[in-house]
Amino acid sequence: MKSALQTEIESIRERLDQLPDGIAFADFPPGARRDLASGNSLPGNLDALLEASDGPRCQAIMIYPSDFVQGIQYLCEEFEGGADKWFCFGHVEDNPLLIESTSGHVYQFPHPVQEWRISDRLECLSESVPEFFTRYALGDDYLILSRRSDRWYEFISSLNQNN
């Protein structure tokens, strides 16, 4: 049975495929198949998103694909608590998106143009990755993170107006 997130991503993927330049500002690759029975699930319910699309890109927001995400975890060593506390799963512009391992909550540094390497302030964006993705990548809160209207925002705005 498909989740609401999978259904929404499939619908968006179909609409993007109808645009000659859709790949220029967004991409929703097919979902990854993961062996969740092995107990190797990712924090923040990241598995649910990667099963719907393995490495989606929505102009300013990029989620790392399953074959890449484990290899980028060295970035977490730069944050207080390191890789024991944080899991990096994507970025907005140049700012990493982090999952707090114990709670599954999604965090980022509060201002996309601030140099994240010298900041010690994180802000919580959502309680899980699917909630983050639905709210910020697929919803009007995209502007909070991207700080500007762009082709992706125009595209999702037109979809949301038609629903």
C-alpha atoms as a PDB file:
ATOM      1  CA  MET A   1       0.000   0.000   0.000  1.00  0.00           C
ATOM      2  CA  LYS A   2       1.362   3.404  -0.979  1.00  0.00           C
ATOM      3  CA  SER A   3       1.794   6.155   1.566  1.00  0.00           C
ATOM      4  CA  ALA A   4       0.348   9.624   1.013  1.00  0.00           C
ATOM      5  CA  LEU A   5       3.915  10.870   0.479  1.00  0.00           C
ATOM      6  CA  GLN A   6       4.573   8.254  -2.230  1.00  0.00           C
ATOM      7  CA  THR A   7       1.316   9.123  -3.982  1.00  0.00           C
ATOM      8  CA  GLU A   8       2.081  12.851  -3.880  1.00  0.00           C
ATOM      9  CA  ILE A   9       5.627  12.358  -5.182  1.00  0.00           C
ATOM     10  CA  GLU A  10       4.394  10.144  -8.030  1.00  0.00           C
ATOM     11  CA  SER A  11       1.879  12.814  -9.019  1.00  0.00           C
ATOM     12  CA  ILE A  12       4.537  15.543  -8.965  1.00  0.00           C
ATOM     13  CA  ARG A  13       6.957  13.339 -10.899  1.00  0.00           C
ATOM     14  CA  GLU A  14       4.321  12.871 -13.630  1.00  0.00           C
ATOM     15  CA  ARG A  15       3.714  16.618 -13.841  1.00  0.00           C
ATOM     16  CA  LEU A  16       7.457  17.368 -13.995  1.00  0.00           C
ATOM     17  CA  ASP A  17       7.876  14.820 -16.787  1.00  0.00           C
ATOM     18  CA  GLN A  18       5.392  16.839 -18.858  1.00  0.00           C
ATOM     19  CA  LEU A  19       7.636  19.924 -18.707  1.00  0.00           C
ATOM     20  CA  PRO A  20      10.509  20.096 -21.187  1.00  0.00           C
ATOM     21  CA  ASP A  21      12.739  21.807 -18.607  1.00  0.00           C
ATOM     22  CA  GLY A  22      11.396  20.081 -15.484  1.00  0.00           C
ATOM     23  CA  ILE A  23      14.713  18.351 -14.785  1.00  0.00           C
ATOM     24  CA  ALA A  24      16.430  21.757 -14.664  1.00  0.00           C
ATOM     25  CA  PHE A  25      14.809  22.688 -11.349  1.00  0.00           C
ATOM     26  CA  ALA A  26      13.613  19.419  -9.801  1.00  0.00           C
ATOM     27  CA  ASP A  27      14.109  15.692  -9.922  1.00  0.00           C
ATOM     28  CA  PHE A  28      12.281  12.848  -8.212  1.00  0.00           C
ATOM     29  CA  PRO A  29      14.190   9.636  -8.955  1.00  0.00           C
ATOM     30  CA  PRO A  30      12.446   6.313  -8.350  1.00  0.00           C
ATOM     31  CA  GLY A  31      12.368   5.158  -4.751  1.00  0.00           C
ATOM     32  CA  ALA A  32      14.998   2.951  -3.179  1.00  0.00           C
ATOM     33  CA  ARG A  33      14.205  -0.528  -1.996  1.00  0.00           C
ATOM     34  CA  ARG A  34      15.477  -0.994   1.533  1.00  0.00           C
ATOM     35  CA  ASP A  35      15.507  -4.012   3.772  1.00  0.00           C
ATOM     36  CA  LEU A  36      13.752  -2.471   6.743  1.00  0.00           C
ATOM     37  CA  ALA A  37      13.343  -5.877   8.367  1.00  0.00           C
ATOM     38  CA  SER A  38      17.096  -5.920   8.992  1.00  0.00           C
ATOM     39  CA  GLY A  39      16.685  -3.134  11.549  1.00  0.00           C
ATOM     40  CA  ASN A  40      18.924  -0.781   9.566  1.00  0.00           C
ATOM     41  CA  SER A  41      16.369   1.988   9.375  1.00  0.00           C
ATOM     42  CA  LEU A  42      17.512   5.578   9.124  1.00  0.00           C
ATOM     43  CA  PRO A  43      16.616   8.207  11.744  1.00  0.00           C
ATOM     44  CA  GLY A  44      13.687  10.590  11.420  1.00  0.00           C
ATOM     45  CA  ASN A  45      11.773   8.162   9.192  1.00  0.00           C
ATOM     46  CA  LEU A  46      14.113   9.103   6.336  1.00  0.00           C
ATOM     47  CA  ASP A  47      13.428   5.641   4.907  1.00  0.00           C
ATOM     48  CA  ALA A  48       9.863   6.668   4.069  1.00  0.00           C
ATOM     49  CA  LEU A  49      11.078   9.511   1.862  1.00  0.00           C
ATOM     50  CA  LEU A  50      13.853   7.517   0.191  1.00  0.00           C
ATOM     51  CA  GLU A  51      11.393   4.723  -0.587  1.00  0.00           C
ATOM     52  CA  ALA A  52       9.201   7.291  -2.377  1.00  0.00           C
ATOM     53  CA  SER A  53      12.110   9.019  -4.149  1.00  0.00           C
ATOM     54  CA  ASP A  54      15.768   8.166  -3.679  1.00  0.00           C
ATOM     55  CA  GLY A  55      17.456  11.550  -3.640  1.00  0.00           C
ATOM     56  CA  PRO A  56      14.776  14.092  -4.565  1.00  0.00           C
ATOM     57  CA  ARG A  57      15.873  17.582  -5.579  1.00  0.00           C
ATOM     58  CA  CYS A  58      13.550  20.577  -5.366  1.00  0.00           C
ATOM     59  CA  GLN A  59      15.743  23.440  -6.603  1.00  0.00           C
ATOM     60  CA  ALA A  60      17.136  24.764  -3.270  1.00  0.00           C
ATOM     61  CA  ILE A  61      16.435  21.545  -1.308  1.00  0.00           C
ATOM     62  CA  MET A  62      18.447  18.407  -2.007  1.00  0.00           C
ATOM     63  CA  ILE A  63      17.985  15.106  -0.172  1.00  0.00           C
ATOM     64  CA  TYR A  64      20.910  12.698  -0.473  1.00  0.00           C
ATOM     65  CA  PRO A  65      20.231   9.345  -2.160  1.00  0.00           C
ATOM     66  CA  SER A  66      20.483   6.145  -0.129  1.00  0.00           C
ATOM     67  CA  ASP A  67      23.791   5.075  -1.714  1.00  0.00           C
ATOM     68  CA  PHE A  68      25.388   8.417  -0.741  1.00  0.00           C
ATOM     69  CA  VAL A  69      23.869   9.407   2.610  1.00  0.00           C
ATOM     70  CA  GLN A  70      25.994   7.130   4.809  1.00  0.00           C
ATOM     71  CA  GLY A  71      29.199   8.402   3.223  1.00  0.00           C
ATOM     72  CA  ILE A  72      28.481  12.052   4.041  1.00  0.00           C
ATOM     73  CA  GLN A  73      28.193  11.532   7.796  1.00  0.00           C
ATOM     74  CA  TYR A  74      31.715  12.857   8.382  1.00  0.00           C
ATOM     75  CA  LEU A  75      30.070  16.324   8.260  1.00  0.00           C
ATOM     76  CA  CYS A  76      28.391  15.596  11.591  1.00  0.00           C
ATOM     77  CA  GLU A  77      31.745  15.540  13.366  1.00  0.00           C
ATOM     78  CA  GLU A  78      31.774  19.331  13.075  1.00  0.00           C
ATOM     79  CA  PHE A  79      28.640  19.671  15.229  1.00  0.00           C
ATOM     80  CA  GLU A  80      28.401  19.381  18.997  1.00  0.00           C
ATOM     81  CA  GLY A  81      27.571  15.755  19.752  1.00  0.00           C
ATOM     82  CA  GLY A  82      29.034  14.592  16.423  1.00  0.00           C
ATOM     83  CA  ALA A  83      27.741  11.586  14.534  1.00  0.00           C
ATOM     84  CA  ASP A  84      26.338  10.070  17.737  1.00  0.00           C
ATOM     85  CA  LYS A  85      23.822  12.919  17.934  1.00  0.00           C
ATOM     86  CA  TRP A  86      23.358  14.045  14.315  1.00  0.00           C
ATOM     87  CA  PHE A  87      22.642  12.488  10.928  1.00  0.00           C
ATOM     88  CA  CYS A  88      23.089  14.641   7.807  1.00  0.00           C
ATOM     89  CA  PHE A  89      20.561  13.764   5.092  1.00  0.00           C
ATOM     90  CA  GLY A  90      20.602  16.681   2.665  1.00  0.00           C
ATOM     91  CA  HIS A  91      21.076  20.389   2.297  1.00  0.00           C
ATOM     92  CA  VAL A  92      19.330  23.660   1.535  1.00  0.00           C
ATOM     93  CA  GLU A  93      21.635  25.695  -0.672  1.00  0.00           C
ATOM     94  CA  ASP A  94      24.933  25.080   1.178  1.00  0.00           C
ATOM     95  CA  ASN A  95      23.455  24.471   4.639  1.00  0.00           C
ATOM     96  CA  PRO A  96      23.224  20.889   5.859  1.00  0.00           C
ATOM     97  CA  LEU A  97      19.942  19.357   6.941  1.00  0.00           C
ATOM     98  CA  LEU A  98      20.338  17.332  10.113  1.00  0.00           C
ATOM     99  CA  ILE A  99      18.307  14.734  11.941  1.00  0.00           C
ATOM    100  CA  GLU A 100      18.726  14.529  15.696  1.00  0.00           C
ATOM    101  CA  SER A 101      19.255  10.797  16.098  1.00  0.00           C
ATOM    102  CA  THR A 102      17.361  10.345  19.376  1.00  0.00           C
ATOM    103  CA  SER A 103      14.233  12.367  18.536  1.00  0.00           C
ATOM    104  CA  GLY A 104      14.147  12.102  14.735  1.00  0.00           C
ATOM    105  CA  HIS A 105      13.537  15.859  14.512  1.00  0.00           C
ATOM    106  CA  VAL A 106      14.900  17.780  11.516  1.00  0.00           C
ATOM    107  CA  TYR A 107      17.178  20.779  12.112  1.00  0.00           C
ATOM    108  CA  GLN A 108      19.056  23.350  10.093  1.00  0.00           C
ATOM    109  CA  PHE A 109      21.058  26.465  10.726  1.00  0.00           C
ATOM    110  CA  PRO A 110      18.652  29.398  10.849  1.00  0.00           C
ATOM    111  CA  HIS A 111      19.857  31.488   7.946  1.00  0.00           C
ATOM    112  CA  PRO A 112      20.873  29.992   4.599  1.00  0.00           C
ATOM    113  CA  VAL A 113      23.528  32.622   3.893  1.00  0.00           C
ATOM    114  CA  GLN A 114      25.152  32.328   7.314  1.00  0.00           C
ATOM    115  CA  GLU A 115      28.313  30.238   7.310  1.00  0.00           C
ATOM    116  CA  TRP A 116      27.159  27.085   9.082  1.00  0.00           C
ATOM    117  CA  ARG A 117      30.686  26.118  10.042  1.00  0.00           C
ATOM    118  CA  ILE A 118      30.924  29.088  12.431  1.00  0.00           C
ATOM    119  CA  SER A 119      27.359  28.953  13.770  1.00  0.00           C
ATOM    120  CA  ASP A 120      26.345  27.081  16.892  1.00  0.00           C
ATOM    121  CA  ARG A 121      22.613  27.776  16.620  1.00  0.00           C
ATOM    122  CA  LEU A 122      20.285  25.205  15.105  1.00  0.00           C
ATOM    123  CA  GLU A 123      16.548  25.482  14.660  1.00  0.00           C
ATOM    124  CA  CYS A 124      14.050  22.647  14.616  1.00  0.00           C
ATOM    125  CA  LEU A 125      12.017  22.503  11.408  1.00  0.00           C
ATOM    126  CA  SER A 126       9.873  19.409  11.938  1.00  0.00           C
ATOM    127  CA  GLU A 127       9.397  16.222  13.918  1.00  0.00           C
ATOM    128  CA  SER A 128      10.323  13.888  11.031  1.00  0.00           C
ATOM    129  CA  VAL A 129      11.743  13.847   7.521  1.00  0.00           C
ATOM    130  CA  PRO A 130       8.397  13.128   5.783  1.00  0.00           C
ATOM    131  CA  GLU A 131       6.822  16.052   7.664  1.00  0.00           C
ATOM    132  CA  PHE A 132       9.786  18.272   6.724  1.00  0.00           C
ATOM    133  CA  PHE A 133       9.601  17.273   3.064  1.00  0.00           C
ATOM    134  CA  THR A 134       5.842  17.737   2.794  1.00  0.00           C
ATOM    135  CA  ARG A 135       5.902  21.101   4.543  1.00  0.00           C
ATOM    136  CA  TYR A 136       9.077  22.684   3.145  1.00  0.00           C
ATOM    137  CA  ALA A 137       9.827  20.982  -0.175  1.00  0.00           C
ATOM    138  CA  LEU A 138       6.249  20.445  -1.338  1.00  0.00           C
ATOM    139  CA  GLY A 139       4.480  23.270   0.471  1.00  0.00           C
ATOM    140  CA  ASP A 140       4.372  27.020   0.872  1.00  0.00           C
ATOM    141  CA  ASP A 141       7.012  26.925   3.610  1.00  0.00           C
ATOM    142  CA  TYR A 142       9.561  26.364   0.848  1.00  0.00           C
ATOM    143  CA  LEU A 143      10.044  30.146   0.853  1.00  0.00           C
ATOM    144  CA  ILE A 144      11.127  30.060   4.500  1.00  0.00           C
ATOM    145  CA  LEU A 145      14.148  27.972   3.531  1.00  0.00           C
ATOM    146  CA  SER A 146      14.903  29.183   0.023  1.00  0.00           C
ATOM    147  CA  ARG A 147      14.354  32.856   0.904  1.00  0.00           C
ATOM    148  CA  ARG A 148      13.203  33.562  -2.647  1.00  0.00           C
ATOM    149  CA  SER A 149      10.641  32.565  -5.203  1.00  0.00           C
ATOM    150  CA  ASP A 150      12.145  30.369  -7.904  1.00  0.00           C
ATOM    151  CA  ARG A 151      10.974  27.989 -10.597  1.00  0.00           C
ATOM    152  CA  TRP A 152      10.275  25.173  -8.099  1.00  0.00           C
ATOM    153  CA  TYR A 153       8.171  27.447  -5.910  1.00  0.00           C
ATOM    154  CA  GLU A 154       6.182  28.641  -8.931  1.00  0.00           C
ATOM    155  CA  PHE A 155       5.629  25.014  -9.951  1.00  0.00           C
ATOM    156  CA  ILE A 156       4.402  23.812  -6.550  1.00  0.00           C
ATOM    157  CA  SER A 157       2.299  26.934  -6.101  1.00  0.00           C
ATOM    158  CA  SER A 158       0.501  26.207  -9.354  1.00  0.00           C
ATOM    159  CA  LEU A 159      -0.075  22.593  -8.260  1.00  0.00           C
ATOM    160  CA  ASN A 160      -1.404  23.662  -4.858  1.00  0.00           C
ATOM    161  CA  GLN A 161      -3.796  26.166  -6.498  1.00  0.00           C
ATOM    162  CA  ASN A 162      -5.216  23.435  -8.727  1.00  0.00           C
ATOM    163  CA  ASN A 163      -5.960  21.142  -5.758  1.00  0.00           C
END
